[in-house]
PDB file of N, CA and C in Angstrom:
ATOM      1  N   MET A   1     -46.465  88.115  21.842  1.00  0.00           N
ATOM      2  CA  MET A   1     -47.026  86.828  21.322  1.00  0.00           C
ATOM      3  C   MET A   1     -47.947  85.960  22.240  1.00  0.00           C
ATOM      4  N   GLN A   2     -48.219  86.932  23.448  1.00  0.00           N
ATOM      5  CA  GLN A   2     -49.150  86.103  24.360  1.00  0.00           C
ATOM      6  C   GLN A   2     -50.733  86.094  23.621  1.00  0.00           C
ATOM      7  N   LEU A   3     -50.689  87.082  22.427  1.00  0.00           N
ATOM      8  CA  LEU A   3     -52.137  86.739  21.685  1.00  0.00           C
ATOM      9  C   LEU A   3     -52.076  85.276  21.153  1.00  0.00           C
ATOM     10  N   TYR A   4     -51.079  84.756  21.266  1.00  0.00           N
ATOM     11  CA  TYR A   4     -51.283  83.220  20.752  1.00  0.00           C
ATOM     12  C   TYR A   4     -51.422  82.198  21.934  1.00  0.00           C
ATOM     13  N   ASN A   5     -51.939  82.504  23.230  1.00  0.00           N
ATOM     14  CA  ASN A   5     -52.202  81.852  24.253  1.00  0.00           C
ATOM     15  C   ASN A   5     -51.052  80.794  24.613  1.00  0.00           C
ATOM     16  N   ASN A   6     -49.495  81.579  24.795  1.00  0.00           N
ATOM     17  CA  ASN A   6     -48.305  81.363  24.885  1.00  0.00           C
ATOM     18  C   ASN A   6     -48.007  80.285  24.572  1.00  0.00           C
ATOM     19  N   THR A   7     -48.525  79.682  23.358  1.00  0.00           N
ATOM     20  CA  THR A   7     -47.755  78.758  22.281  1.00  0.00           C
ATOM     21  C   THR A   7     -46.896  79.275  21.352  1.00  0.00           C
ATOM     22  N   GLU A   8     -46.211  77.899  21.029  1.00  0.00           N
ATOM     23  CA  GLU A   8     -44.851  78.584  19.829  1.00  0.00           C
ATOM     24  C   GLU A   8     -45.947  79.422  18.482  1.00  0.00           C
ATOM     25  N   ALA A   9     -45.206  80.306  18.602  1.00  0.00           N
ATOM     26  CA  ALA A   9     -45.724  81.193  17.151  1.00  0.00           C
ATOM     27  C   ALA A   9     -45.348  80.699  15.960  1.00  0.00           C
ATOM     28  N   THR A  10     -45.948  80.936  15.105  1.00  0.00           N
ATOM     29  CA  THR A  10     -45.402  80.601  13.798  1.00  0.00           C
ATOM     30  C   THR A  10     -44.766  81.460  13.203  1.00  0.00           C
ATOM     31  N   LEU A  11     -43.646  81.327  12.170  1.00  0.00           N
ATOM     32  CA  LEU A  11     -42.740  82.327  11.557  1.00  0.00           C
ATOM     33  C   LEU A  11     -43.759  83.631  11.069  1.00  0.00           C
ATOM     34  N   ASP A  12     -45.080  83.112  10.263  1.00  0.00           N
ATOM     35  CA  ASP A  12     -45.784  84.093  10.297  1.00  0.00           C
ATOM     36  C   ASP A  12     -46.403  84.929  10.814  1.00  0.00           C
ATOM     37  N   ASN A  13     -47.136  84.464  12.006  1.00  0.00           N
ATOM     38  CA  ASN A  13     -47.401  85.288  13.155  1.00  0.00           C
ATOM     39  C   ASN A  13     -46.204  85.991  13.654  1.00  0.00           C
ATOM     40  N   ILE A  14     -45.236  85.937  13.781  1.00  0.00           N
ATOM     41  CA  ILE A  14     -43.987  86.291  14.443  1.00  0.00           C
ATOM     42  C   ILE A  14     -43.761  87.891  13.536  1.00  0.00           C
ATOM     43  N   TRP A  15     -43.760  87.424  12.041  1.00  0.00           N
ATOM     44  CA  TRP A  15     -43.475  88.330  11.191  1.00  0.00           C
ATOM     45  C   TRP A  15     -44.791  89.891  11.095  1.00  0.00           C
ATOM     46  N   ARG A  16     -45.938  89.285  11.162  1.00  0.00           N
ATOM     47  CA  ARG A  16     -46.961  89.962  11.303  1.00  0.00           C
ATOM     48  C   ARG A  16     -47.222  90.819  12.693  1.00  0.00           C
ATOM     49  N   THR A  17     -46.705  90.144  13.370  1.00  0.00           N
ATOM     50  CA  THR A  17     -46.369  91.096  15.091  1.00  0.00           C
ATOM     51  C   THR A  17     -45.820  92.031  14.855  1.00  0.00           C
ATOM     52  N   VAL A  18     -44.200  91.562  14.274  1.00  0.00           N
ATOM     53  CA  VAL A  18     -43.117  92.762  13.744  1.00  0.00           C
ATOM     54  C   VAL A  18     -43.611  93.788  12.855  1.00  0.00           C
ATOM     55  N   GLU A  19     -44.375  93.534  11.857  1.00  0.00           N
ATOM     56  CA  GLU A  19     -45.169  94.640  10.842  1.00  0.00           C
ATOM     57  C   GLU A  19     -45.754  95.220  11.878  1.00  0.00           C
ATOM     58  N   ASN A  20     -46.899  94.527  12.595  1.00  0.00           N
ATOM     59  CA  ASN A  20     -47.675  96.003  13.473  1.00  0.00           C
ATOM     60  C   ASN A  20     -46.657  96.676  14.077  1.00  0.00           C
ATOM     61  N   VAL A  21     -46.257  96.183  15.209  1.00  0.00           N
ATOM     62  CA  VAL A  21     -44.814  97.017  15.895  1.00  0.00           C
ATOM     63  C   VAL A  21     -44.252  98.148  14.878  1.00  0.00           C
ATOM     64  N   TRP A  22     -43.815  97.793  14.091  1.00  0.00           N
ATOM     65  CA  TRP A  22     -42.686  98.663  13.223  1.00  0.00           C
ATOM     66  C   TRP A  22     -43.815  99.780  12.558  1.00  0.00           C
ATOM     67  N   ALA A  23     -45.030  99.332  12.005  1.00  0.00           N
ATOM     68  CA  ALA A  23     -46.098 100.702  11.295  1.00  0.00           C
ATOM     69  C   ALA A  23     -46.380 101.582  12.490  1.00  0.00           C
ATOM     70  N   GLY A  24     -46.362 101.360  13.911  1.00  0.00           N
ATOM     71  CA  GLY A  24     -46.821 102.343  14.720  1.00  0.00           C
ATOM     72  C   GLY A  24     -45.592 102.518  15.454  1.00  0.00           C
ATOM     73  N   THR A  25     -44.477 102.647  15.064  1.00  0.00           N
ATOM     74  CA  THR A  25     -43.348 103.164  15.764  1.00  0.00           C
ATOM     75  C   THR A  25     -42.940 104.189  14.782  1.00  0.00           C
ATOM     76  N   THR A  26     -42.775 105.553  15.331  1.00  0.00           N
ATOM     77  CA  THR A  26     -42.292 106.650  14.776  1.00  0.00           C
ATOM     78  C   THR A  26     -40.837 106.847  14.385  1.00  0.00           C
ATOM     79  N   SER A  27     -40.159 107.979  13.790  1.00  0.00           N
ATOM     80  CA  SER A  27     -38.701 108.068  13.609  1.00  0.00           C
ATOM     81  C   SER A  27     -37.984 108.204  14.997  1.00  0.00           C
ATOM     82  N   SER A  28     -38.726 108.801  15.353  1.00  0.00           N
ATOM     83  CA  SER A  28     -38.358 109.893  16.768  1.00  0.00           C
ATOM     84  C   SER A  28     -38.112 108.672  17.946  1.00  0.00           C
ATOM     85  N   GLU A  29     -39.304 107.607  17.398  1.00  0.00           N
ATOM     86  CA  GLU A  29     -38.686 106.418  18.829  1.00  0.00           C
ATOM     87  C   GLU A  29     -37.875 105.858  18.740  1.00  0.00           C
ATOM     88  N   VAL A  30     -37.494 105.548  17.190  1.00  0.00           N
ATOM     89  CA  VAL A  30     -36.124 104.495  16.815  1.00  0.00           C
ATOM     90  C   VAL A  30     -35.077 105.682  17.116  1.00  0.00           C
ATOM     91  N   ALA A  31     -34.832 106.745  16.789  1.00  0.00           N
ATOM     92  CA  ALA A  31     -34.064 107.515  17.157  1.00  0.00           C
ATOM     93  C   ALA A  31     -33.707 107.555  18.811  1.00  0.00           C
ATOM     94  N   ARG A  32     -34.550 108.020  19.317  1.00  0.00           N
ATOM     95  CA  ARG A  32     -34.288 107.841  20.576  1.00  0.00           C
ATOM     96  C   ARG A  32     -33.867 106.741  21.390  1.00  0.00           C
ATOM     97  N   SER A  33     -33.989 105.430  20.841  1.00  0.00           N
ATOM     98  CA  SER A  33     -33.875 104.279  21.208  1.00  0.00           C
ATOM     99  C   SER A  33     -32.082 104.034  21.002  1.00  0.00           C
ATOM    100  N   PHE A  34     -31.858 104.471  19.683  1.00  0.00           N
ATOM    101  CA  PHE A  34     -30.340 104.359  19.597  1.00  0.00           C
ATOM    102  C   PHE A  34     -29.353 105.546  20.587  1.00  0.00           C
ATOM    103  N   VAL A  35     -29.754 106.651  20.803  1.00  0.00           N
ATOM    104  CA  VAL A  35     -29.398 107.483  21.772  1.00  0.00           C
ATOM    105  C   VAL A  35     -29.491 106.770  23.328  1.00  0.00           C
ATOM    106  N   LEU A  36     -30.110 106.554  24.000  1.00  0.00           N
ATOM    107  CA  LEU A  36     -30.467 105.791  25.091  1.00  0.00           C
ATOM    108  C   LEU A  36     -29.161 104.153  25.192  1.00  0.00           C
ATOM    109  N   ALA A  37     -29.324 103.636  23.882  1.00  0.00           N
ATOM    110  CA  ALA A  37     -28.737 102.333  23.857  1.00  0.00           C
ATOM    111  C   ALA A  37     -27.139 103.202  24.180  1.00  0.00           C
ATOM    112  N   PHE A  38     -26.981 103.865  23.271  1.00  0.00           N
ATOM    113  CA  PHE A  38     -25.314 104.714  23.506  1.00  0.00           C
ATOM    114  C   PHE A  38     -24.781 105.162  24.805  1.00  0.00           C
ATOM    115  N   ARG A  39     -26.081 105.974  25.367  1.00  0.00           N
ATOM    116  CA  ARG A  39     -25.885 106.343  26.944  1.00  0.00           C
ATOM    117  C   ARG A  39     -25.812 105.016  27.967  1.00  0.00           C
ATOM    118  N   ILE A  40     -26.621 104.023  28.026  1.00  0.00           N
ATOM    119  CA  ILE A  40     -26.616 103.032  28.670  1.00  0.00           C
ATOM    120  C   ILE A  40     -25.236 102.373  28.759  1.00  0.00           C
ATOM    121  N   MET A  41     -24.525 102.454  27.115  1.00  0.00           N
ATOM    122  CA  MET A  41     -23.428 101.385  27.175  1.00  0.00           C
ATOM    123  C   MET A  41     -22.181 102.362  27.710  1.00  0.00           C
ATOM    124  N   ARG A  42     -22.752 103.766  27.392  1.00  0.00           N
ATOM    125  CA  ARG A  42     -21.648 104.596  28.013  1.00  0.00           C
ATOM    126  C   ARG A  42     -21.422 104.478  29.547  1.00  0.00           C
ATOM    127  N   LEU A  43     -22.470 104.057  30.062  1.00  0.00           N
ATOM    128  CA  LEU A  43     -22.528 104.082  31.415  1.00  0.00           C
ATOM    129  C   LEU A  43     -22.006 102.629  31.655  1.00  0.00           C
ATOM    130  N   ILE A  44     -22.047 101.669  31.068  1.00  0.00           N
ATOM    131  CA  ILE A  44     -21.321 100.180  31.435  1.00  0.00           C
ATOM    132  C   ILE A  44     -19.979 100.443  31.375  1.00  0.00           C
ATOM    133  N   ILE A  45     -19.445 100.844  30.202  1.00  0.00           N
ATOM    134  CA  ILE A  45     -17.939 101.287  30.150  1.00  0.00           C
ATOM    135  C   ILE A  45     -17.251 101.974  31.269  1.00  0.00           C
ATOM    136  N   GLU A  46     -17.999 103.025  31.732  1.00  0.00           N
ATOM    137  CA  GLU A  46     -17.591 104.052  32.719  1.00  0.00           C
ATOM    138  C   GLU A  46     -17.573 102.981  34.101  1.00  0.00           C
ATOM    139  N   GLU A  47     -18.299 102.286  34.250  1.00  0.00           N
ATOM    140  CA  GLU A  47     -18.581 101.240  35.289  1.00  0.00           C
ATOM    141  C   GLU A  47     -17.318 100.060  35.270  1.00  0.00           C
ATOM    142  N   ASP A  48     -16.817  99.895  34.177  1.00  0.00           N
ATOM    143  CA  ASP A  48     -16.140  98.648  33.852  1.00  0.00           C
ATOM    144  C   ASP A  48     -16.776  97.295  33.810  1.00  0.00           C
ATOM    145  N   GLY A  49     -17.585  97.555  33.260  1.00  0.00           N
ATOM    146  CA  GLY A  49     -18.740  96.509  33.030  1.00  0.00           C
ATOM    147  C   GLY A  49     -19.567  96.035  34.233  1.00  0.00           C
ATOM    148  N   TYR A  50     -19.306  96.888  35.209  1.00  0.00           N
ATOM    149  CA  TYR A  50     -20.103  96.652  36.463  1.00  0.00           C
ATOM    150  C   TYR A  50     -21.614  96.706  36.302  1.00  0.00           C
ATOM    151  N   ASN A  51     -22.794  95.883  36.810  1.00  0.00           N
ATOM    152  CA  ASN A  51     -23.672  96.700  36.866  1.00  0.00           C
ATOM    153  C   ASN A  51     -24.585  96.989  38.028  1.00  0.00           C
ATOM    154  N   SER A  52     -23.973  97.153  38.924  1.00  0.00           N
ATOM    155  CA  SER A  52     -24.296  97.474  40.301  1.00  0.00           C
ATOM    156  C   SER A  52     -25.178  98.893  40.449  1.00  0.00           C
ATOM    157  N   TRP A  53     -25.218  99.657  39.501  1.00  0.00           N
ATOM    158  CA  TRP A  53     -25.972 101.022  39.399  1.00  0.00           C
ATOM    159  C   TRP A  53     -27.479 100.715  39.004  1.00  0.00           C
ATOM    160  N   LEU A  54     -27.625  99.363  38.656  1.00  0.00           N
ATOM    161  CA  LEU A  54     -28.839  98.866  38.296  1.00  0.00           C
ATOM    162  C   LEU A  54     -29.510  98.998  40.017  1.00  0.00           C
ATOM    163  N   ALA A  55     -29.113  98.411  41.040  1.00  0.00           N
ATOM    164  CA  ALA A  55     -29.441  98.187  42.141  1.00  0.00           C
ATOM    165  C   ALA A  55     -30.654  99.503  42.644  1.00  0.00           C
ATOM    166  N   THR A  56     -30.079 100.606  41.723  1.00  0.00           N
ATOM    167  CA  THR A  56     -30.896 102.068  42.396  1.00  0.00           C
ATOM    168  C   THR A  56     -32.090 102.283  41.448  1.00  0.00           C
ATOM    169  N   GLY A  57     -32.297 101.193  40.503  1.00  0.00           N
ATOM    170  CA  GLY A  57     -33.533 101.471  39.771  1.00  0.00           C
ATOM    171  C   GLY A  57     -32.914 101.667  38.372  1.00  0.00           C
ATOM    172  N   THR A  58     -33.855 101.488  37.475  1.00  0.00           N
ATOM    173  CA  THR A  58     -33.609 102.151  35.841  1.00  0.00           C
ATOM    174  C   THR A  58     -32.816 103.663  35.738  1.00  0.00           C
ATOM    175  N   PRO A  59     -31.702 103.457  35.055  1.00  0.00           N
ATOM    176  CA  PRO A  59     -31.245 104.610  34.645  1.00  0.00           C
ATOM    177  C   PRO A  59     -31.932 105.757  33.952  1.00  0.00           C
ATOM    178  N   HIS A  60     -31.903 107.020  34.158  1.00  0.00           N
ATOM    179  CA  HIS A  60     -32.745 107.953  33.746  1.00  0.00           C
ATOM    180  C   HIS A  60     -31.686 108.855  32.985  1.00  0.00           C
ATOM    181  N   CYS A  61     -31.187 108.716  31.795  1.00  0.00           N
ATOM    182  CA  CYS A  61     -30.266 108.942  30.639  1.00  0.00           C
ATOM    183  C   CYS A  61     -30.929 110.311  30.080  1.00  0.00           C
ATOM    184  N   ASN A  62     -31.819 111.007  30.622  1.00  0.00           N
ATOM    185  CA  ASN A  62     -32.330 112.113  29.913  1.00  0.00           C
ATOM    186  C   ASN A  62     -32.769 112.628  28.530  1.00  0.00           C
ATOM    187  N   VAL A  63     -33.005 111.504  28.007  1.00  0.00           N
ATOM    188  CA  VAL A  63     -32.986 111.678  26.213  1.00  0.00           C
ATOM    189  C   VAL A  63     -34.037 112.608  26.123  1.00  0.00           C
ATOM    190  N   ARG A  64     -35.496 112.403  26.722  1.00  0.00           N
ATOM    191  CA  ARG A  64     -36.316 113.390  26.690  1.00  0.00           C
ATOM    192  C   ARG A  64     -36.134 114.682  26.694  1.00  0.00           C
ATOM    193  N   GLN A  65     -35.320 114.484  28.014  1.00  0.00           N
ATOM    194  CA  GLN A  65     -34.952 116.093  28.008  1.00  0.00           C
ATOM    195  C   GLN A  65     -34.159 117.097  27.093  1.00  0.00           C
ATOM    196  N   ASP A  66     -33.293 116.109  26.485  1.00  0.00           N
ATOM    197  CA  ASP A  66     -32.387 116.748  25.851  1.00  0.00           C
ATOM    198  C   ASP A  66     -32.376 116.822  24.390  1.00  0.00           C
ATOM    199  N   TYR A  67     -33.860 115.953  24.086  1.00  0.00           N
ATOM    200  CA  TYR A  67     -33.694 116.384  22.248  1.00  0.00           C
ATOM    201  C   TYR A  67     -35.571 116.340  22.165  1.00  0.00           C
ATOM    202  N   ILE A  68     -35.865 116.955  20.936  1.00  0.00           N
ATOM    203  CA  ILE A  68     -37.053 117.402  20.507  1.00  0.00           C
ATOM    204  C   ILE A  68     -37.378 116.366  19.044  1.00  0.00           C
ATOM    205  N   ASP A  69     -38.245 116.068  19.327  1.00  0.00           N
ATOM    206  CA  ASP A  69     -39.122 115.158  18.044  1.00  0.00           C
ATOM    207  C   ASP A  69     -39.385 115.873  16.898  1.00  0.00           C
ATOM    208  N   THR A  70     -38.810 115.453  15.836  1.00  0.00           N
ATOM    209  CA  THR A  70     -38.905 115.735  14.264  1.00  0.00           C
ATOM    210  C   THR A  70     -39.464 115.068  13.373  1.00  0.00           C
ATOM    211  N   PRO A  71     -39.993 115.665  12.315  1.00  0.00           N
ATOM    212  CA  PRO A  71     -40.741 114.693  11.572  1.00  0.00           C
ATOM    213  C   PRO A  71     -39.703 113.348  11.009  1.00  0.00           C
ATOM    214  N   ASN A  72     -38.439 113.775  11.135  1.00  0.00           N
ATOM    215  CA  ASN A  72     -37.875 112.469  10.556  1.00  0.00           C
ATOM    216  C   ASN A  72     -36.671 111.976  11.703  1.00  0.00           C
ATOM    217  N   GLY A  73     -37.047 112.146  12.774  1.00  0.00           N
ATOM    218  CA  GLY A  73     -35.971 111.651  13.893  1.00  0.00           C
ATOM    219  C   GLY A  73     -35.972 112.865  15.431  1.00  0.00           C
ATOM    220  N   ILE A  74     -35.071 113.228  15.699  1.00  0.00           N
ATOM    221  CA  ILE A  74     -34.946 114.062  16.962  1.00  0.00           C
ATOM    222  C   ILE A  74     -33.864 114.748  16.446  1.00  0.00           C
ATOM    223  N   ARG A  75     -34.074 116.245  17.296  1.00  0.00           N
ATOM    224  CA  ARG A  75     -32.669 117.050  17.472  1.00  0.00           C
ATOM    225  C   ARG A  75     -32.317 117.132  18.746  1.00  0.00           C
ATOM    226  N   PRO A  76     -31.297 118.152  19.115  1.00  0.00           N
ATOM    227  CA  PRO A  76     -30.991 118.374  20.334  1.00  0.00           C
ATOM    228  C   PRO A  76     -32.001 119.571  20.400  1.00  0.00           C
ATOM    229  N   LYS A  77     -32.506 119.589  21.861  1.00  0.00           N
ATOM    230  CA  LYS A  77     -32.902 120.880  22.316  1.00  0.00           C
ATOM    231  C   LYS A  77     -31.974 122.122  22.444  1.00  0.00           C
ATOM    232  N   VAL A  78     -32.187 123.297  21.849  1.00  0.00           N
ATOM    233  CA  VAL A  78     -31.285 124.619  21.952  1.00  0.00           C
ATOM    234  C   VAL A  78     -31.426 124.879  23.329  1.00  0.00           C
ATOM    235  N   VAL A  79     -30.427 125.268  24.278  1.00  0.00           N
ATOM    236  CA  VAL A  79     -29.966 125.729  25.214  1.00  0.00           C
ATOM    237  C   VAL A  79     -29.504 127.130  25.443  1.00  0.00           C
ATOM    238  N   ILE A  80     -30.510 128.310  25.535  1.00  0.00           N
ATOM    239  CA  ILE A  80     -30.095 129.346  25.759  1.00  0.00           C
ATOM    240  C   ILE A  80     -29.451 129.869  27.361  1.00  0.00           C
ATOM    241  N   ASN A  81     -28.722 130.164  27.499  1.00  0.00           N
ATOM    242  CA  ASN A  81     -27.749 130.516  28.909  1.00  0.00           C
ATOM    243  C   ASN A  81     -28.170 132.363  28.767  1.00  0.00           C
ATOM    244  N   VAL A  82     -28.671 132.606  29.647  1.00  0.00           N
ATOM    245  CA  VAL A  82     -28.828 134.122  29.646  1.00  0.00           C
ATOM    246  C   VAL A  82     -28.224 134.492  31.410  1.00  0.00           C
ATOM    247  N   GLU A  83     -26.978 135.416  30.812  1.00  0.00           N
ATOM    248  CA  GLU A  83     -26.355 135.775  32.038  1.00  0.00           C
ATOM    249  C   GLU A  83     -26.677 137.101  32.183  1.00  0.00           C
ATOM    250  N   GLU A  84     -26.801 137.359  33.508  1.00  0.00           N
ATOM    251  CA  GLU A  84     -27.148 138.943  33.779  1.00  0.00           C
ATOM    252  C   GLU A  84     -25.988 139.371  34.503  1.00  0.00           C
TER     253      GLU A  84
END
């Protein structure tokens, strides 16, 4: 909304900005955001609501490492364990 010189944006300007962002967002990005939110909530629950883990920086929840983009969202990466 800084496009509007830090003034109060009108409802039309807000909606236009939302539509532009949404039009440029892929299904994969939306799906990854849900997985990331779930993993962060799990971390918060495991820490009994304390957020001291934020002191070490942003948590890397390995969403990019664990999932592959598809035309309709994401899917888990296939991991093949080759035992010798």
